[in-house]
Structure formats: structure tokens, C-alpha cells
């Protein structure tokens, strides 16, 4: 967890100082003083988009900091991650005085500190849920219960995150559904695969006796969430795939409604098919991006965070599904990494795609987070045979 905390801190530092070009400016003491005395100007220049972004991006700092088991007291358990988030944000805002195009502000420090506290609260709630489950000791898949809860939360968060603050309203988007257009098979597959995964996750979380109506109840809620969130296109092809997946999963016998190797390999195949769109090869290869997260940092923060969330749960799900098969976690991590790397290498010859090492880093981060979360709770609460 400490390594993940450091990785998220480095990522935030790199993203906040992008494009990593510095100019000469006032002395450091003057930059700190201007930051501390510029509260009114910072409030006037901070928009709703900046507030929303700053209230979210430091959640991983609080979440991973809370789950690290190295703290010696309850005070350091809560205070040190919160202080680390505040100091990191203050350092970033001070250094932004030397980055052209950046506007440092004390409101960002306040929002980032609140974001860290929100991560602490989410981690505390997560720990309460996991420990309550372990106390019951009646459900199956105890060892992977924590990663299933986290993966489901990441999926719902990626659907709820808006790619922009203001976009096409709900009523015009509903009217657009009156003109369905032609059926897109890949779009239906994009709707079906997450719902098959959701069924498997709920089976692990609730138990093998998952009521068949649970997914049917969750389906309209999630589709409504996607419809209300700006930036999430909702088509009839996607909805038909989602409905078909829920129907197939609910018709399966209870003893077969669990994660198996067939779904794991189908998920990897889906990653390949989705990564090779539009299935057209260019005559000249594009350069491969070797700078970590450069593609995401070059884009706007709102859609960039959405892409990061979607790729995190997608690649994490590949690792999670493979880890349920006869392959161990190291082999599952290796298979996921090789698949993502192969797709990124092939994208050098696909027009309109950006090939780079960023996706591999996201896959490793997602798999490490799920793996370490399981180990974090299994070592203390589960029997050694788990």
C-alpha cells in the first residue's frame, strides 16, 4: 500500500506540473507568501470544474494511506495521510508559480485536503464492510470479497463521473434514442461484458444464492445514471447488450453463476477487439509513447479522469477474473500485462489510436491495488488456508 501511495503521489505531482517546463520566477519565499495571501483572488478565479476535479483527484492518497498497516496509532492512522495530502497539494501549488499557464490558488489546497479526507472516509467505510463480512464467515470467496467490492465501486464510479460539467441535457438525449440508427455489434458487446462482470461480482459479494431480480433492479438504475451523466453516450445497441447479459446471467443455474475461465478469456478477447478498432491498418507506423501518462495529461482533466477510471476497472477486471481460474495471481498479472502490451503495440499501425506505455502502467496499478487490498484484509481476518 505504501508503494501505491507513493505512485499516486508521483502521478499527481507529474500531472499538476505538466508539461514539465519551468520558467524563472519570484523567490520561493515570495511564491509561498503570494499563495497564502491570495485567498480572495483564488476564490474568484476558481470555477465549478476546478472544484469538482480537486475534490476527487486526491481520494487515492487518503484511501491508500488509510489502508497501510504501518501506522502505530489511530491518530497517525488518520492524521498522517491527511497531512501528506495537504503538504503535497501545498507543494504542487507553490511550484505551479514557476510553470507557465498555471494559476496556483489556496482554494485548490483546501479542496485537495478535503479530497484526501474523503478518501480516508471511503477507506474507513470500506474496512467496516469487509470486516463485517469476515465476522459472518458464512459466504464463499472470503479471500476475494474485498477486491470484488472495490472493483464494483470502481465500475459504478466510472459510470457516474461526467466527462464535462455541462453537456447535452437529459431530454435531448432521450429524444436521440427515438432514432436508434443501425445496430452496432461491438457496442452491444460493450454493454454486455460489464454486466456479466457485475453479476459475477455480486455473486461473490452477496453469495452464490444471489436473487435473480437483483441485476434487473440494478439495470435501470445504472442506465439512468449513465443517461444523467454528461459525456456518457447511451445507445440502443449498448442497452440491448446489457439487457441480454442480465437475462443470460439470471437464467443460469445458481451453481453455474460464478466466475470461470470462460468469462476471463472472453474478457481478454473483448479487450483485444475494443483496442484494435477501427480494424484498419495504416501504411506507416506511429511512434510509441514511452512517457508515462503523457496521453492522459495532455487531455483535459475532466475526460482524462473518466478515461483513467474506465481503464482502471477494465484492466483490473481482467486480472480479477483470471485470478479466479487455476492460474495464480502472478500468472494472472503477467497475462493481463502481456495482453495490454500487445494491443498497445498493435495500435502503432491503427489510425486514430495513440499507442503508449500508459495503459500498461494503469493495468499494473489496478491489478496491484486489487491484489494488495485482498492481502491487506486476508492476512488479519482470514485463516491461513485462504
Protein backbone atom coordinates (compact mmCIF):
# COMPACT_ATOMS: atom_id res chain seq x y z
CA UNK A 1 0.00 0.00 0.00
CA UNK A 2 2.87 2.39 0.74
CA UNK A 3 4.23 1.83 -2.78
CA UNK A 4 0.80 2.55 -4.26
CA UNK A 5 0.54 5.69 -2.12
CA UNK A 6 3.89 6.88 -3.47
CA UNK A 7 2.86 6.01 -7.04
CA UNK A 8 -0.34 8.06 -6.79
CA UNK A 9 1.59 10.95 -5.22
CA UNK A 10 4.11 10.94 -8.09
CA UNK A 11 1.28 10.78 -10.62
CA UNK A 12 -0.46 13.77 -9.03
CA UNK A 13 2.79 15.71 -8.90
CA UNK A 14 3.54 14.99 -12.57
CA UNK A 15 0.00 15.81 -13.67
CA UNK A 16 -0.18 19.08 -11.77
CA UNK A 17 3.17 20.28 -13.17
CA UNK A 18 2.55 19.18 -16.78
CA UNK A 19 4.01 19.97 -19.35
CA UNK A 20 7.07 19.99 -17.07
CA UNK A 21 8.51 23.23 -18.45
CA UNK A 22 9.59 25.73 -15.81
CA UNK A 23 10.44 29.41 -16.01
CA UNK A 24 12.24 31.73 -13.64
CA UNK A 25 10.01 33.44 -11.12
CA UNK A 26 9.95 35.07 -7.70
CA UNK A 27 11.97 33.63 -4.81
CA UNK A 28 10.43 30.62 -3.13
CA UNK A 29 9.51 32.61 -0.03
CA UNK A 30 7.63 35.14 -2.16
CA UNK A 31 5.79 32.37 -4.01
CA UNK A 32 4.68 30.85 -0.70
CA UNK A 33 3.59 34.24 0.62
CA UNK A 34 1.63 35.05 -2.52
CA UNK A 35 -0.11 31.69 -2.26
CA UNK A 36 -1.05 32.21 1.39
CA UNK A 37 -2.26 35.78 0.85
CA UNK A 38 -4.19 35.17 -2.35
CA UNK A 39 -7.34 33.58 -0.91
CA UNK A 40 -9.83 36.15 -2.27
CA UNK A 41 -8.35 36.12 -5.76
CA UNK A 42 -8.23 32.33 -5.71
CA UNK A 43 -11.93 32.10 -4.80
CA UNK A 44 -12.88 34.47 -7.63
CA UNK A 45 -10.86 32.62 -10.27
CA UNK A 46 -11.84 29.06 -9.30
CA UNK A 47 -14.66 27.57 -11.36
CA UNK A 48 -17.03 24.69 -10.71
CA UNK A 49 -15.00 22.35 -12.92
CA UNK A 50 -11.80 23.04 -10.96
CA UNK A 51 -13.58 22.49 -7.65
CA UNK A 52 -15.01 19.14 -8.77
CA UNK A 53 -11.65 17.93 -10.07
CA UNK A 54 -9.78 18.96 -6.93
CA UNK A 55 -12.37 17.29 -4.72
CA UNK A 56 -11.71 13.95 -6.46
CA UNK A 57 -8.09 13.62 -7.52
CA UNK A 58 -6.63 13.24 -4.00
CA UNK A 59 -9.03 10.45 -2.97
CA UNK A 60 -6.40 7.75 -3.78
CA UNK A 61 -3.97 9.43 -1.35
CA UNK A 62 -6.41 9.16 1.56
CA UNK A 63 -7.65 5.71 0.53
CA UNK A 64 -4.27 4.01 0.20
CA UNK A 65 -2.85 5.94 3.16
CA UNK A 66 -5.63 4.70 5.43
CA UNK A 67 -5.23 1.07 4.35
CA UNK A 68 -1.47 0.97 5.00
CA UNK A 69 -0.85 -1.12 8.10
CA UNK A 70 2.34 0.66 9.20
CA UNK A 71 0.67 3.32 11.35
CA UNK A 72 1.25 2.86 15.08
CA UNK A 73 -1.74 4.74 16.49
CA UNK A 74 -5.21 5.87 15.47
CA UNK A 75 -4.01 9.48 15.41
CA UNK A 76 -1.26 8.78 12.87
CA UNK A 77 -3.62 6.43 11.02
CA UNK A 78 -5.83 9.40 10.14
CA UNK A 79 -3.57 12.40 10.61
CA UNK A 80 -0.53 11.35 8.58
CA UNK A 81 -2.38 10.64 5.28
CA UNK A 82 -4.36 13.87 5.71
CA UNK A 83 -1.18 15.84 6.39
CA UNK A 84 0.57 14.16 3.46
CA UNK A 85 -2.24 15.15 1.10
CA UNK A 86 -2.26 18.74 2.36
CA UNK A 87 1.54 19.08 2.12
CA UNK A 88 1.60 17.52 -1.35
CA UNK A 89 -1.09 19.91 -2.56
CA UNK A 90 0.64 22.93 -1.00
CA UNK A 91 3.95 21.91 -2.62
CA UNK A 92 2.29 21.49 -6.00
CA UNK A 93 0.52 24.84 -5.83
CA UNK A 94 3.76 26.56 -4.83
CA UNK A 95 5.71 25.00 -7.71
CA UNK A 96 2.96 25.99 -10.17
CA UNK A 97 4.18 29.56 -9.77
CA UNK A 98 7.08 28.53 -12.00
CA UNK A 99 5.01 26.66 -14.62
CA UNK A 100 3.67 28.78 -17.48
CA UNK A 101 -0.09 28.70 -17.87
CA UNK A 102 -0.76 27.52 -14.31
CA UNK A 103 -2.69 29.55 -11.74
CA UNK A 104 -1.85 28.44 -8.17
CA UNK A 105 -4.54 29.05 -5.59
CA UNK A 106 -5.22 28.34 -1.95
CA UNK A 107 -8.70 27.03 -2.82
CA UNK A 108 -7.04 24.12 -4.62
CA UNK A 109 -5.14 23.25 -1.43
CA UNK A 110 -8.38 23.31 0.59
CA UNK A 111 -10.25 21.18 -1.95
CA UNK A 112 -7.35 18.70 -2.20
CA UNK A 113 -7.25 18.37 1.58
CA UNK A 114 -11.00 17.72 1.63
CA UNK A 115 -10.45 15.18 -1.15
CA UNK A 116 -7.84 13.39 0.98
CA UNK A 117 -10.28 13.36 3.91
CA UNK A 118 -12.95 11.93 1.61
CA UNK A 119 -10.53 9.14 0.65
CA UNK A 120 -9.97 8.42 4.34
CA UNK A 121 -13.73 8.24 4.93
CA UNK A 122 -14.26 5.92 1.96
CA UNK A 123 -11.43 3.66 3.14
CA UNK A 124 -12.91 3.54 6.65
CA UNK A 125 -16.33 2.60 5.25
CA UNK A 126 -14.68 0.01 3.03
CA UNK A 127 -12.87 -1.52 6.01
CA UNK A 128 -16.08 -1.67 8.05
CA UNK A 129 -17.88 -3.54 5.24
CA UNK A 130 -15.02 -6.01 4.78
CA UNK A 131 -14.58 -6.72 8.48
CA UNK A 132 -18.34 -7.17 8.97
CA UNK A 133 -18.30 -9.74 6.19
CA UNK A 134 -15.35 -11.59 7.70
CA UNK A 135 -17.10 -11.74 11.06
CA UNK A 136 -20.02 -13.61 9.50
CA UNK A 137 -17.79 -16.27 7.86
CA UNK A 138 -20.79 -17.64 6.03
CA UNK A 139 -20.23 -16.55 2.45
CA UNK A 140 -17.91 -18.08 -0.09
CA UNK A 141 -14.96 -16.38 -1.76
CA UNK A 142 -13.92 -14.74 1.50
CA UNK A 143 -10.38 -14.13 0.30
CA UNK A 144 -11.52 -12.14 -2.78
CA UNK A 145 -14.53 -10.40 -1.27
CA UNK A 146 -12.67 -7.13 -0.69
CA UNK A 147 -11.38 -6.85 -4.27
CA UNK A 148 -14.87 -7.61 -5.61
CA UNK A 149 -16.36 -4.74 -3.59
CA UNK A 150 -13.62 -2.37 -4.74
CA UNK A 151 -13.94 -3.39 -8.40
CA UNK A 152 -17.72 -2.91 -8.34
CA UNK A 153 -17.24 0.54 -6.79
CA UNK A 154 -14.71 1.49 -9.50
CA UNK A 155 -17.14 0.43 -12.23
CA UNK A 156 -20.01 2.49 -10.81
CA UNK A 157 -17.67 5.46 -10.27
CA UNK A 158 -16.56 5.37 -13.90
CA UNK A 159 -20.21 5.48 -14.99
CA UNK A 160 -21.08 8.32 -12.62
CA UNK A 161 -18.10 10.52 -13.50
CA UNK A 162 -19.10 13.24 -16.01
CA UNK A 163 -16.68 13.93 -18.84
CA UNK A 164 -17.79 17.56 -18.71
CA UNK A 165 -19.81 19.77 -16.38
CA UNK A 166 -22.31 21.00 -18.93
CA UNK A 167 -23.32 18.86 -21.85
CA UNK A 168 -26.31 17.66 -23.79
CA UNK A 169 -29.32 17.63 -21.45
CA UNK A 170 -31.24 14.51 -20.50
CA UNK A 171 -34.35 15.38 -22.54
CA UNK A 172 -32.46 15.85 -25.85
CA UNK A 173 -30.55 12.63 -25.17
CA UNK A 174 -33.83 10.82 -24.59
CA UNK A 175 -35.12 12.20 -27.87
CA UNK A 176 -31.99 10.99 -29.60
CA UNK A 177 -32.90 7.44 -28.54
CA UNK A 178 -36.02 7.72 -30.71
CA UNK A 179 -33.68 7.47 -33.70
CA UNK A 180 -31.79 4.27 -32.94
CA UNK A 181 -29.85 4.02 -36.18
CA UNK A 182 -28.17 0.80 -37.26
CA UNK A 183 -27.27 -1.93 -34.81
CA UNK A 184 -23.60 -1.98 -33.78
CA UNK A 185 -22.43 -5.44 -32.63
CA UNK A 186 -19.32 -4.14 -30.83
CA UNK A 187 -21.40 -1.57 -28.98
CA UNK A 188 -23.71 -4.36 -27.80
CA UNK A 189 -20.65 -6.29 -26.65
CA UNK A 190 -19.51 -3.18 -24.75
CA UNK A 191 -22.85 -3.23 -22.97
CA UNK A 192 -22.91 -6.97 -22.29
CA UNK A 193 -19.45 -7.62 -20.86
CA UNK A 194 -19.63 -5.20 -17.88
CA UNK A 195 -22.97 -6.66 -16.83
CA UNK A 196 -21.65 -10.21 -16.92
CA UNK A 197 -18.84 -8.97 -14.69
CA UNK A 198 -21.34 -7.21 -12.41
CA UNK A 199 -23.22 -10.47 -11.98
CA UNK A 200 -20.03 -12.29 -11.01
CA UNK A 201 -19.05 -9.54 -8.57
CA UNK A 202 -22.46 -9.58 -6.90
CA UNK A 203 -22.28 -13.38 -6.68
CA UNK A 204 -19.01 -13.07 -4.76
CA UNK A 205 -20.29 -10.21 -2.59
CA UNK A 206 -23.79 -11.49 -1.82
CA UNK A 207 -23.16 -15.21 -2.17
CA UNK A 208 -23.96 -17.96 -4.62
CA UNK A 209 -27.68 -17.59 -3.83
CA UNK A 210 -27.83 -14.15 -5.48
CA UNK A 211 -31.53 -13.33 -6.13
CA UNK A 212 -32.24 -13.27 -9.83
CA UNK A 213 -34.07 -9.93 -9.65
CA UNK A 214 -31.08 -8.05 -8.21
CA UNK A 215 -29.46 -7.36 -11.56
CA UNK A 216 -32.83 -6.47 -13.12
CA UNK A 217 -33.29 -3.89 -10.35
CA UNK A 218 -29.77 -2.55 -10.79
CA UNK A 219 -30.06 -2.31 -14.60
CA UNK A 220 -32.44 0.70 -14.88
CA UNK A 221 -30.61 2.49 -12.05
CA UNK A 222 -27.24 2.24 -13.81
CA UNK A 223 -28.66 3.11 -17.23
CA UNK A 224 -30.37 6.13 -15.68
CA UNK A 225 -27.07 7.15 -14.10
CA UNK A 226 -25.37 6.96 -17.49
CA UNK A 227 -28.17 8.98 -19.06
CA UNK A 228 -27.93 11.70 -16.41
CA UNK A 229 -24.12 11.95 -16.52
CA UNK A 230 -22.87 14.26 -19.32
CA UNK A 231 -20.40 12.66 -21.66
CA UNK A 232 -21.72 9.09 -21.49
CA UNK A 233 -23.33 8.14 -24.83
CA UNK A 234 -26.25 5.76 -24.39
CA UNK A 235 -27.44 3.87 -27.47
CA UNK A 236 -29.94 1.12 -28.14
CA UNK A 237 -27.10 -1.20 -29.13
CA UNK A 238 -25.46 -0.73 -25.72
CA UNK A 239 -28.74 -1.22 -23.85
CA UNK A 240 -29.63 -4.33 -25.85
CA UNK A 241 -26.29 -5.87 -24.93
CA UNK A 242 -26.78 -5.00 -21.25
CA UNK A 243 -30.29 -6.47 -21.18
CA UNK A 244 -29.12 -9.63 -22.96
CA UNK A 245 -26.25 -10.10 -20.49
CA UNK A 246 -28.54 -9.67 -17.46
CA UNK A 247 -31.02 -12.12 -19.00
CA UNK A 248 -28.34 -14.74 -19.67
CA UNK A 249 -26.86 -14.40 -16.20
CA UNK A 250 -30.25 -14.63 -14.47
CA UNK A 251 -31.17 -17.76 -16.45
CA UNK A 252 -28.01 -19.65 -15.47
CA UNK A 253 -28.34 -22.19 -12.65
CA UNK A 254 -27.11 -21.00 -9.27
CA UNK A 255 -24.20 -23.42 -9.24
CA UNK A 256 -23.01 -22.03 -12.59
CA UNK A 257 -23.45 -18.31 -11.85
CA UNK A 258 -19.86 -17.86 -10.72
CA UNK A 259 -16.71 -16.57 -12.29
CA UNK A 260 -14.98 -19.11 -14.50
CA UNK A 261 -12.19 -19.28 -17.03
CA UNK A 262 -14.55 -18.86 -20.00
CA UNK A 263 -15.55 -15.37 -18.91
CA UNK A 264 -11.93 -14.49 -18.11
CA UNK A 265 -10.75 -15.34 -21.61
CA UNK A 266 -13.83 -13.71 -23.14
CA UNK A 267 -12.91 -10.53 -21.24
CA UNK A 268 -9.38 -10.59 -22.65
CA UNK A 269 -10.78 -11.13 -26.15
CA UNK A 270 -13.09 -8.15 -25.64
CA UNK A 271 -10.11 -6.02 -24.61
CA UNK A 272 -8.33 -7.00 -27.82
CA UNK A 273 -11.36 -6.33 -30.04
CA UNK A 274 -12.00 -2.97 -28.42
CA UNK A 275 -8.34 -1.98 -28.59
CA UNK A 276 -7.96 -2.77 -32.29
CA UNK A 277 -10.84 -0.62 -33.51
CA UNK A 278 -11.50 0.52 -36.27
CA UNK A 279 -9.75 -2.58 -37.67
CA UNK A 280 -7.90 -0.60 -40.34
CA UNK A 281 -4.14 -0.67 -40.75
CA UNK A 282 -2.08 2.35 -41.76
CA UNK A 283 0.86 2.15 -44.11
CA UNK A 284 3.18 3.97 -41.71
CA UNK A 285 3.65 3.16 -38.05
CA UNK A 286 3.02 5.83 -35.44
CA UNK A 287 5.60 6.49 -32.71
CA UNK A 288 5.17 4.59 -29.46
CA UNK A 289 4.79 6.82 -26.40
CA UNK A 290 7.36 5.95 -23.75
CA UNK A 291 6.47 8.81 -21.38
CA UNK A 292 4.13 7.60 -18.65
CA UNK A 293 0.64 9.17 -18.64
CA UNK A 294 1.59 11.77 -21.24
CA UNK A 295 -1.52 10.98 -23.30
CA UNK A 296 -3.86 11.46 -20.34
CA UNK A 297 -2.09 14.56 -19.07
CA UNK A 298 -2.22 16.17 -22.50
CA UNK A 299 -6.01 15.95 -22.47
CA UNK A 300 -8.42 17.96 -20.35
CA UNK A 301 -8.71 16.88 -16.72
CA UNK A 302 -12.42 16.01 -16.77
CA UNK A 303 -12.35 13.47 -19.64
CA UNK A 304 -8.87 12.35 -18.57
CA UNK A 305 -10.11 11.26 -15.15
CA UNK A 306 -13.01 9.45 -16.82
CA UNK A 307 -10.65 7.56 -19.13
CA UNK A 308 -8.39 6.69 -16.19
CA UNK A 309 -11.35 5.30 -14.20
CA UNK A 310 -12.66 3.27 -17.13
CA UNK A 311 -9.27 1.76 -17.91
CA UNK A 312 -8.60 1.06 -14.23
CA UNK A 313 -11.70 -1.09 -13.71
CA UNK A 314 -11.43 -2.69 -17.18
CA UNK A 315 -7.84 -3.85 -16.74
CA UNK A 316 -8.41 -4.62 -13.08
CA UNK A 317 -11.36 -6.82 -14.04
CA UNK A 318 -9.15 -8.81 -16.42
CA UNK A 319 -6.74 -9.55 -13.60
CA UNK A 320 -9.56 -10.28 -11.13
CA UNK A 321 -11.30 -12.72 -13.47
CA UNK A 322 -8.07 -14.54 -14.29
CA UNK A 323 -7.20 -14.82 -10.62
CA UNK A 324 -10.39 -16.88 -10.13
CA UNK A 325 -9.11 -19.54 -12.52
CA UNK A 326 -6.42 -22.14 -11.95
CA UNK A 327 -3.78 -19.50 -12.67
CA UNK A 328 -2.30 -17.80 -9.65
CA UNK A 329 -2.13 -14.08 -9.16
CA UNK A 330 1.40 -13.68 -10.59
CA UNK A 331 0.41 -15.53 -13.77
CA UNK A 332 -2.83 -13.54 -13.99
CA UNK A 333 -0.89 -10.30 -13.70
CA UNK A 334 1.55 -11.44 -16.39
CA UNK A 335 -1.25 -12.47 -18.80
CA UNK A 336 -3.03 -9.14 -18.32
CA UNK A 337 0.19 -7.17 -18.84
CA UNK A 338 1.11 -9.12 -21.99
CA UNK A 339 -2.37 -8.64 -23.47
CA UNK A 340 -2.38 -4.89 -22.82
CA UNK A 341 1.16 -4.51 -24.17
CA UNK A 342 0.33 -6.45 -27.35
CA UNK A 343 -2.73 -4.30 -28.01
CA UNK A 344 -0.76 -1.10 -27.46
CA UNK A 345 1.99 -2.29 -29.79
CA UNK A 346 -0.59 -3.11 -32.49
CA UNK A 347 -2.11 0.37 -32.14
CA UNK A 348 1.04 1.82 -33.72
CA UNK A 349 -0.41 0.70 -37.07
CA UNK A 350 -4.05 1.68 -36.38
CA UNK A 351 -5.06 5.20 -37.43
CA UNK A 352 -6.68 7.35 -34.80
CA UNK A 353 -5.24 5.39 -31.85
CA UNK A 354 -2.48 6.53 -29.50
CA UNK A 355 -0.03 3.79 -28.59
CA UNK A 356 1.99 4.12 -25.42
CA UNK A 357 3.12 2.62 -22.16
CA UNK A 358 0.43 4.41 -20.16
CA UNK A 359 -2.13 1.61 -20.46
CA UNK A 360 0.36 -0.94 -19.17
CA UNK A 361 1.06 1.28 -16.14
CA UNK A 362 -2.68 1.61 -15.45
CA UNK A 363 -3.12 -2.16 -15.71
CA UNK A 364 -0.28 -2.76 -13.24
CA UNK A 365 -1.68 -0.14 -10.85
CA UNK A 366 -5.18 -1.62 -11.00
CA UNK A 367 -4.01 -5.21 -10.52
CA UNK A 368 -1.69 -4.21 -7.67
CA UNK A 369 -4.48 -2.32 -5.93
CA UNK A 370 -6.88 -5.29 -6.07
CA UNK A 371 -4.16 -7.74 -5.06
CA UNK A 372 -2.93 -5.67 -2.13
CA UNK A 373 -6.45 -4.94 -0.90
CA UNK A 374 -7.13 -8.68 -0.71
CA UNK A 375 -3.87 -9.29 1.12
CA UNK A 376 -4.49 -6.34 3.44
CA UNK A 377 -7.63 -7.91 4.87
CA UNK A 378 -6.97 -11.62 4.28
CA UNK A 379 -3.80 -11.76 6.39
CA UNK A 380 -5.50 -10.49 9.50
CA UNK A 381 -9.04 -11.82 9.15
CA UNK A 382 -8.85 -14.99 7.09
CA UNK A 383 -7.49 -18.39 8.07
CA UNK A 384 -4.11 -19.36 6.61
CA UNK A 385 -5.74 -21.85 4.21
CA UNK A 386 -7.45 -18.96 2.40
